[in-house]
PDB file of N, CA and C in Angstrom:
ATOM      1  N   TYR A   1       0.845  -1.200   0.000  1.00  0.00           N
ATOM      2  CA  TYR A   1       0.000   0.000   0.000  1.00  0.00           C
ATOM      3  C   TYR A   1       0.875   1.242   0.000  1.00  0.00           C
ATOM      4  N   LEU A   2       0.553   2.186  -0.903  1.00  0.00           N
ATOM      5  CA  LEU A   2       1.301   3.441  -0.971  1.00  0.00           C
ATOM      6  C   LEU A   2       0.356   4.609  -0.700  1.00  0.00           C
ATOM      7  N   PRO A   3       0.747   5.493   0.214  1.00  0.00           N
ATOM      8  CA  PRO A   3      -0.066   6.661   0.568  1.00  0.00           C
ATOM      9  C   PRO A   3      -0.223   7.633  -0.595  1.00  0.00           C
ATOM     10  N   SER A   4      -1.389   7.630  -1.208  1.00  0.00           N
ATOM     11  CA  SER A   4      -1.634   8.518  -2.330  1.00  0.00           C
ATOM     12  C   SER A   4      -1.931   9.929  -1.843  1.00  0.00           C
ATOM     13  N   PRO A   5      -1.623  10.934  -2.658  1.00  0.00           N
ATOM     14  CA  PRO A   5      -1.842  12.342  -2.296  1.00  0.00           C
ATOM     15  C   PRO A   5      -3.323  12.646  -2.029  1.00  0.00           C
ATOM     16  N   ILE A   6      -4.191  11.878  -2.685  1.00  0.00           N
ATOM     17  CA  ILE A   6      -5.629  12.120  -2.549  1.00  0.00           C
ATOM     18  C   ILE A   6      -6.172  11.522  -1.256  1.00  0.00           C
ATOM     19  N   SER A   7      -5.524  10.463  -0.788  1.00  0.00           N
ATOM     20  CA  SER A   7      -6.008   9.816   0.428  1.00  0.00           C
ATOM     21  C   SER A   7      -4.956   9.885   1.519  1.00  0.00           C
ATOM     22  N   VAL A   8      -4.430  11.088   1.721  1.00  0.00           N
ATOM     23  CA  VAL A   8      -3.378  11.274   2.721  1.00  0.00           C
ATOM     24  C   VAL A   8      -3.990  11.468   4.098  1.00  0.00           C
ATOM     25  N   ASN A   9      -5.249  11.914   4.123  1.00  0.00           N
ATOM     26  CA  ASN A   9      -5.939  12.140   5.388  1.00  0.00           C
ATOM     27  C   ASN A   9      -6.793  10.929   5.783  1.00  0.00           C
ATOM     28  N   VAL A  10      -6.708   9.877   4.952  1.00  0.00           N
ATOM     29  CA  VAL A  10      -7.482   8.667   5.202  1.00  0.00           C
ATOM     30  C   VAL A  10      -6.561   7.575   5.727  1.00  0.00           C
ATOM     31  N   PRO A  11      -7.000   6.830   6.726  1.00  0.00           N
ATOM     32  CA  PRO A  11      -6.235   5.722   7.299  1.00  0.00           C
ATOM     33  C   PRO A  11      -5.832   4.709   6.224  1.00  0.00           C
ATOM     34  N   PRO A  12      -4.683   4.038   6.387  1.00  0.00           N
ATOM     35  CA  PRO A  12      -4.158   3.071   5.422  1.00  0.00           C
ATOM     36  C   PRO A  12      -5.175   1.984   5.076  1.00  0.00           C
ATOM     37  N   CYS A  13      -5.960   1.563   6.052  1.00  0.00           N
ATOM     38  CA  CYS A  13      -6.911   0.474   5.843  1.00  0.00           C
ATOM     39  C   CYS A  13      -8.048   0.928   4.929  1.00  0.00           C
ATOM     40  N   LEU A  14      -8.420   2.218   5.041  1.00  0.00           N
ATOM     41  CA  LEU A  14      -9.527   2.730   4.244  1.00  0.00           C
ATOM     42  C   LEU A  14      -9.072   3.114   2.848  1.00  0.00           C
ATOM     43  N   SER A  15      -7.871   3.683   2.753  1.00  0.00           N
ATOM     44  CA  SER A  15      -7.373   4.135   1.464  1.00  0.00           C
ATOM     45  C   SER A  15      -6.902   2.967   0.603  1.00  0.00           C
ATOM     46  N   ALA A  16      -6.771   1.801   1.220  1.00  0.00           N
ATOM     47  CA  ALA A  16      -6.322   0.624   0.487  1.00  0.00           C
ATOM     48  C   ALA A  16      -7.492   0.005  -0.279  1.00  0.00           C
ATOM     49  N   TYR A  17      -8.707   0.205   0.249  1.00  0.00           N
ATOM     50  CA  TYR A  17      -9.893  -0.346  -0.415  1.00  0.00           C
ATOM     51  C   TYR A  17     -10.332   0.533  -1.586  1.00  0.00           C
ATOM     52  N   PRO A  18     -10.788   1.764  -1.317  1.00  0.00           N
ATOM     53  CA  PRO A  18     -11.118   2.666  -2.418  1.00  0.00           C
ATOM     54  C   PRO A  18      -9.921   3.556  -2.766  1.00  0.00           C
ATOM     55  N   PRO A  19      -9.341   3.386  -3.945  1.00  0.00           N
ATOM     56  CA  PRO A  19      -8.148   4.120  -4.365  1.00  0.00           C
ATOM     57  C   PRO A  19      -8.404   5.637  -4.432  1.00  0.00           C
ATOM     58  N   THR A  20      -9.658   6.015  -4.649  1.00  0.00           N
ATOM     59  CA  THR A  20      -9.960   7.438  -4.800  1.00  0.00           C
ATOM     60  C   THR A  20     -10.975   7.877  -3.752  1.00  0.00           C
ATOM     61  N   SER A  21     -10.731   7.509  -2.508  1.00  0.00           N
ATOM     62  CA  SER A  21     -11.667   7.870  -1.439  1.00  0.00           C
ATOM     63  C   SER A  21     -11.194   9.146  -0.762  1.00  0.00           C
ATOM     64  N   ASN A  22     -11.036  10.210  -1.536  1.00  0.00           N
ATOM     65  CA  ASN A  22     -10.568  11.470  -0.979  1.00  0.00           C
ATOM     66  C   ASN A  22     -11.682  12.159  -0.192  1.00  0.00           C
ATOM     67  N   SER A  23     -12.933  11.753  -0.453  1.00  0.00           N
ATOM     68  CA  SER A  23     -14.063  12.365   0.237  1.00  0.00           C
ATOM     69  C   SER A  23     -14.558  11.461   1.355  1.00  0.00           C
ATOM     70  N   TYR A  24     -13.839  10.386   1.603  1.00  0.00           N
ATOM     71  CA  TYR A  24     -14.263   9.455   2.638  1.00  0.00           C
ATOM     72  C   TYR A  24     -13.968  10.023   4.007  1.00  0.00           C
TER      73      TYR A  24
END
C-alpha cells in the first residue's frame, strides 16, 4: 500500500480499499 496524495488524510486500511476515497 502506498499513501496517495488524494487519500493522505485517510487511514491506510480505508485508502487501500477505495483508491480514490478522498471524500471518505
